[in-house]
N, C-alpha and C. Protein backbone atom coordinates (compact mmCIF):
# COMPACT_ATOMS: atom_id res chain seq x y z
N MET A 1 1.50 8.28 -8.17
CA MET A 1 2.55 7.44 -8.33
C MET A 1 3.77 7.86 -8.05
N VAL A 2 3.61 9.43 -7.82
CA VAL A 2 4.86 9.83 -6.81
C VAL A 2 5.08 8.82 -5.53
N VAL A 3 3.64 9.04 -5.09
CA VAL A 3 4.33 8.12 -3.40
C VAL A 3 4.82 6.92 -3.51
N ALA A 4 3.96 6.27 -4.51
CA ALA A 4 4.58 4.87 -4.51
C ALA A 4 6.26 4.62 -4.82
N ARG A 5 6.59 5.67 -5.20
CA ARG A 5 7.95 5.48 -5.47
C ARG A 5 8.94 6.11 -4.54
N GLU A 6 8.00 7.06 -3.52
CA GLU A 6 9.10 7.43 -2.66
C GLU A 6 8.67 7.18 -1.18
N LEU A 7 8.06 5.29 -1.31
CA LEU A 7 7.46 4.41 -0.22
C LEU A 7 8.75 3.22 -0.24
N VAL A 8 9.36 3.04 -1.23
CA VAL A 8 10.70 2.17 -1.72
C VAL A 8 11.98 2.59 -0.64
N GLY A 9 12.13 1.45 0.17
CA GLY A 9 13.10 2.01 1.01
C GLY A 9 12.93 2.66 2.36
N CYS A 10 11.21 2.64 2.57
CA CYS A 10 10.99 3.27 3.65
C CYS A 10 10.65 2.20 4.59
N VAL A 11 10.74 2.27 6.21
CA VAL A 11 10.82 1.12 7.19
C VAL A 11 9.52 1.47 7.76
N LEU A 12 8.85 0.57 7.88
CA LEU A 12 7.48 0.23 9.29
C LEU A 12 7.82 -0.42 10.24
N GLN A 13 7.50 0.20 11.47
CA GLN A 13 7.95 -0.69 12.32
C GLN A 13 6.38 -0.31 13.45
N THR A 14 6.23 -1.59 13.95
CA THR A 14 5.52 -1.58 15.22
C THR A 14 5.90 -2.26 16.63
N GLU A 15 5.17 -1.86 17.43
CA GLU A 15 5.51 -2.80 19.13
C GLU A 15 4.47 -3.03 19.51
N PHE A 16 4.25 -4.43 20.15
CA PHE A 16 2.97 -5.19 20.41
C PHE A 16 3.88 -5.99 21.63
N SER A 17 2.73 -5.52 22.41
CA SER A 17 3.53 -6.43 23.85
C SER A 17 5.09 -7.05 23.84
N GLY A 18 5.43 -5.85 23.87
CA GLY A 18 7.50 -5.82 23.59
C GLY A 18 8.34 -5.77 22.83
N LEU A 19 7.23 -6.49 22.00
CA LEU A 19 8.31 -7.22 20.55
C LEU A 19 8.22 -6.01 19.01
N VAL A 20 8.97 -5.56 18.93
CA VAL A 20 9.36 -4.72 17.92
C VAL A 20 9.36 -5.81 16.55
N THR A 21 7.85 -5.35 15.78
CA THR A 21 9.02 -6.25 14.06
C THR A 21 8.66 -4.87 13.17
N SER A 22 9.72 -5.25 12.40
CA SER A 22 9.73 -3.76 11.20
C SER A 22 10.07 -4.57 10.06
N LEU A 23 9.70 -3.63 8.87
CA LEU A 23 9.80 -4.10 7.23
C LEU A 23 10.14 -3.19 6.77
N LEU A 24 10.98 -3.48 5.21
CA LEU A 24 11.28 -2.68 4.74
C LEU A 24 10.83 -2.75 3.40
N ILE A 25 10.16 -1.37 2.78
CA ILE A 25 9.59 -1.57 1.21
C ILE A 25 10.72 -1.94 0.64
N VAL A 26 10.30 -2.84 -0.11
CA VAL A 26 11.03 -2.94 -1.28
C VAL A 26 10.43 -2.75 -2.69
N GLU A 27 9.33 -2.59 -2.74
CA GLU A 27 8.62 -3.00 -4.19
C GLU A 27 7.05 -2.30 -3.71
N THR A 28 6.76 -1.30 -4.89
CA THR A 28 5.08 -1.07 -4.86
C THR A 28 4.62 -1.27 -6.01
N GLU A 29 2.87 -1.16 -5.73
CA GLU A 29 2.68 -0.60 -7.32
C GLU A 29 1.76 0.35 -7.30
N ALA A 30 1.69 1.16 -8.55
CA ALA A 30 0.75 2.15 -8.75
C ALA A 30 -0.04 1.93 -9.79
N TYR A 31 -1.18 2.30 -9.91
CA TYR A 31 -1.82 2.47 -11.21
C TYR A 31 -3.15 4.05 -11.44
N PRO A 32 -2.93 4.05 -12.15
CA PRO A 32 -4.00 5.49 -12.00
C PRO A 32 -5.14 5.30 -12.11
N GLY A 33 -6.37 6.30 -11.42
CA GLY A 33 -7.25 6.01 -11.25
C GLY A 33 -8.38 5.61 -11.93
N TYR A 34 -8.01 5.78 -13.31
CA TYR A 34 -8.62 5.25 -14.49
C TYR A 34 -8.80 3.57 -14.78
N ASP A 35 -7.35 3.22 -14.02
CA ASP A 35 -7.31 1.66 -14.80
C ASP A 35 -8.48 1.09 -13.87
N PRO A 36 -8.94 -0.40 -14.70
CA PRO A 36 -9.82 -1.06 -13.81
C PRO A 36 -9.40 -1.59 -12.86
N TYR A 37 -7.80 -2.02 -12.66
CA TYR A 37 -7.21 -2.54 -11.60
C TYR A 37 -6.92 -1.76 -10.05
N SER A 38 -6.90 -0.44 -10.26
CA SER A 38 -6.90 0.71 -9.45
C SER A 38 -7.35 0.59 -8.33
N HIS A 39 -8.42 -0.03 -8.03
CA HIS A 39 -9.17 0.03 -6.46
C HIS A 39 -9.47 1.17 -6.18
N PHE A 40 -9.27 2.34 -7.14
CA PHE A 40 -10.37 3.64 -7.09
C PHE A 40 -11.93 3.31 -6.42
N PRO A 41 -11.69 4.52 -5.73
CA PRO A 41 -13.11 4.23 -5.19
C PRO A 41 -14.66 4.16 -5.57
N THR A 42 -14.59 4.47 -6.57
CA THR A 42 -15.67 4.33 -7.99
C THR A 42 -15.46 3.01 -8.47
N ASN A 43 -14.23 2.38 -8.84
CA ASN A 43 -14.10 0.94 -9.25
C ASN A 43 -13.62 0.01 -8.36
N GLN A 44 -14.52 -0.03 -7.05
CA GLN A 44 -13.80 -1.19 -5.98
C GLN A 44 -14.47 -2.47 -6.61
N PRO A 45 -13.88 -3.32 -6.28
CA PRO A 45 -14.34 -4.67 -6.79
C PRO A 45 -14.90 -4.93 -5.64
N PRO A 46 -16.34 -6.20 -5.72
CA PRO A 46 -17.12 -6.38 -4.96
C PRO A 46 -16.27 -6.96 -3.28
N VAL A 47 -15.10 -7.52 -3.17
CA VAL A 47 -14.44 -8.06 -2.00
C VAL A 47 -14.26 -6.52 -1.33
N ALA A 48 -13.65 -5.75 -1.89
CA ALA A 48 -13.11 -4.02 -1.02
C ALA A 48 -14.36 -3.63 -0.48
N LYS A 49 -15.73 -3.68 -1.03
CA LYS A 49 -16.55 -2.82 -0.71
C LYS A 49 -16.99 -3.30 0.96
N CYS A 50 -17.52 -2.00 1.72
CA CYS A 50 -17.44 -2.14 2.96
C CYS A 50 -19.30 -1.85 3.07
C-alpha cells in the first residue's frame, strides 16, 4: 500500500525513435494479498497466467 501512495505524482518517460512520451501518475489502486482481486501470484485470474 505504501508503494501505491508513493507512485502518485511520479512521471514516467520513454523515448522511441526520437519521440519523447511522458505521463503523470494521478491515481493508483492497491489491494492486500489476500483480496480476491489483488492478482497476487497465488490468486491470478486465468487471463493473467502465462
